[in-house]
Amino acid sequence: MIVSVHKWLERTKFLILFVTLTYILYRVFALFSVWVEPVDKYRHPSGTSVKVFQQHAIQTEGSESMATRLRLFYWYGE
């Protein structure tokens, strides 16, 4: 079996370049995701906006069941 040193050096150089560029691309994506992500995504909204999700239990008006509420949700499309 003949081992070519030149061929192994080329493969090693390619592998090192590939790993380096992959790592750089990973870090760029990580910086981009930090830039895109809001600072505090769980803060209370300001202005006239309202927060939709409430932590307390849902109080229904009357004796509506969950199935009725779901049917109305799909019917009105809200």
Protein backbone atom coordinates (compact mmCIF):
# COMPACT_ATOMS: atom_id res chain seq x y z
CA MET A 1 0.00 0.00 0.00
CA ILE A 2 1.40 3.33 -1.06
CA VAL A 3 0.71 6.29 1.25
CA SER A 4 0.91 9.68 -0.41
CA VAL A 5 1.95 12.36 2.06
CA HIS A 6 0.94 15.14 -0.30
CA LYS A 7 -2.60 13.77 -0.61
CA TRP A 8 -2.97 13.46 3.19
CA LEU A 9 -1.67 17.00 3.68
CA GLU A 10 -4.24 18.32 1.19
CA ARG A 11 -7.02 16.42 2.94
CA THR A 12 -5.90 17.67 6.35
CA LYS A 13 -5.73 21.25 5.08
CA PHE A 14 -9.22 20.92 3.60
CA LEU A 15 -10.58 19.44 6.83
CA ILE A 16 -9.06 22.22 8.95
CA LEU A 17 -10.43 24.88 6.58
CA PHE A 18 -13.87 23.23 6.59
CA VAL A 19 -14.03 23.02 10.40
CA THR A 20 -12.81 26.61 10.77
CA LEU A 21 -15.36 28.03 8.33
CA THR A 22 -18.14 25.95 9.89
CA TYR A 23 -17.26 27.31 13.34
CA ILE A 24 -17.17 30.89 12.03
CA LEU A 25 -20.57 30.45 10.37
CA TYR A 26 -21.95 29.00 13.61
CA ARG A 27 -20.73 32.00 15.60
CA VAL A 28 -22.19 34.43 13.02
CA PHE A 29 -25.58 32.71 13.30
CA ALA A 30 -25.35 32.84 17.10
CA LEU A 31 -24.64 36.60 17.00
CA PHE A 32 -27.48 37.10 14.54
CA SER A 33 -29.93 35.20 16.76
CA VAL A 34 -28.95 37.36 19.75
CA TRP A 35 -29.47 40.49 17.63
CA VAL A 36 -32.91 39.34 16.40
CA GLU A 37 -34.21 38.08 19.76
CA PRO A 38 -36.07 40.69 21.83
CA VAL A 39 -34.36 41.94 24.96
CA ASP A 40 -37.09 40.81 27.37
CA LYS A 41 -39.73 38.78 25.61
CA TYR A 42 -41.81 38.32 28.79
CA ARG A 43 -42.13 42.00 29.71
CA HIS A 44 -45.49 43.70 30.00
CA PRO A 45 -46.47 45.43 26.78
CA SER A 46 -46.44 49.21 26.69
CA GLY A 47 -48.87 51.64 25.12
CA THR A 48 -52.32 50.48 24.11
CA SER A 49 -51.33 46.86 23.58
CA VAL A 50 -52.50 44.14 25.95
CA LYS A 51 -50.95 40.90 27.05
CA VAL A 52 -53.07 38.00 25.77
CA PHE A 53 -51.90 35.18 28.02
CA GLN A 54 -52.87 35.36 31.69
CA GLN A 55 -51.36 33.20 34.43
CA HIS A 56 -54.54 32.85 36.49
CA ALA A 57 -57.32 30.31 35.92
CA ILE A 58 -59.84 30.97 33.15
CA GLN A 59 -63.19 32.16 34.46
CA THR A 60 -66.01 31.38 32.08
CA GLU A 61 -69.23 33.33 31.93
CA GLY A 62 -72.14 31.04 32.62
CA SER A 63 -71.84 27.31 32.21
CA GLU A 64 -70.02 27.16 28.88
CA SER A 65 -67.95 24.04 28.47
CA MET A 66 -64.59 23.90 26.80
CA ALA A 67 -66.14 22.17 23.77
CA THR A 68 -68.62 25.04 23.34
CA ARG A 69 -65.87 27.61 23.63
CA LEU A 70 -63.75 25.72 21.09
CA ARG A 71 -66.70 25.46 18.67
CA LEU A 72 -67.29 29.22 18.97
CA PHE A 73 -63.59 29.86 18.44
CA TYR A 74 -63.61 27.94 15.15
CA TRP A 75 -66.96 29.42 14.13
CA TYR A 76 -65.88 33.04 14.60
CA GLY A 77 -62.32 32.39 13.47
CA GLU A 78 -60.75 34.48 16.22
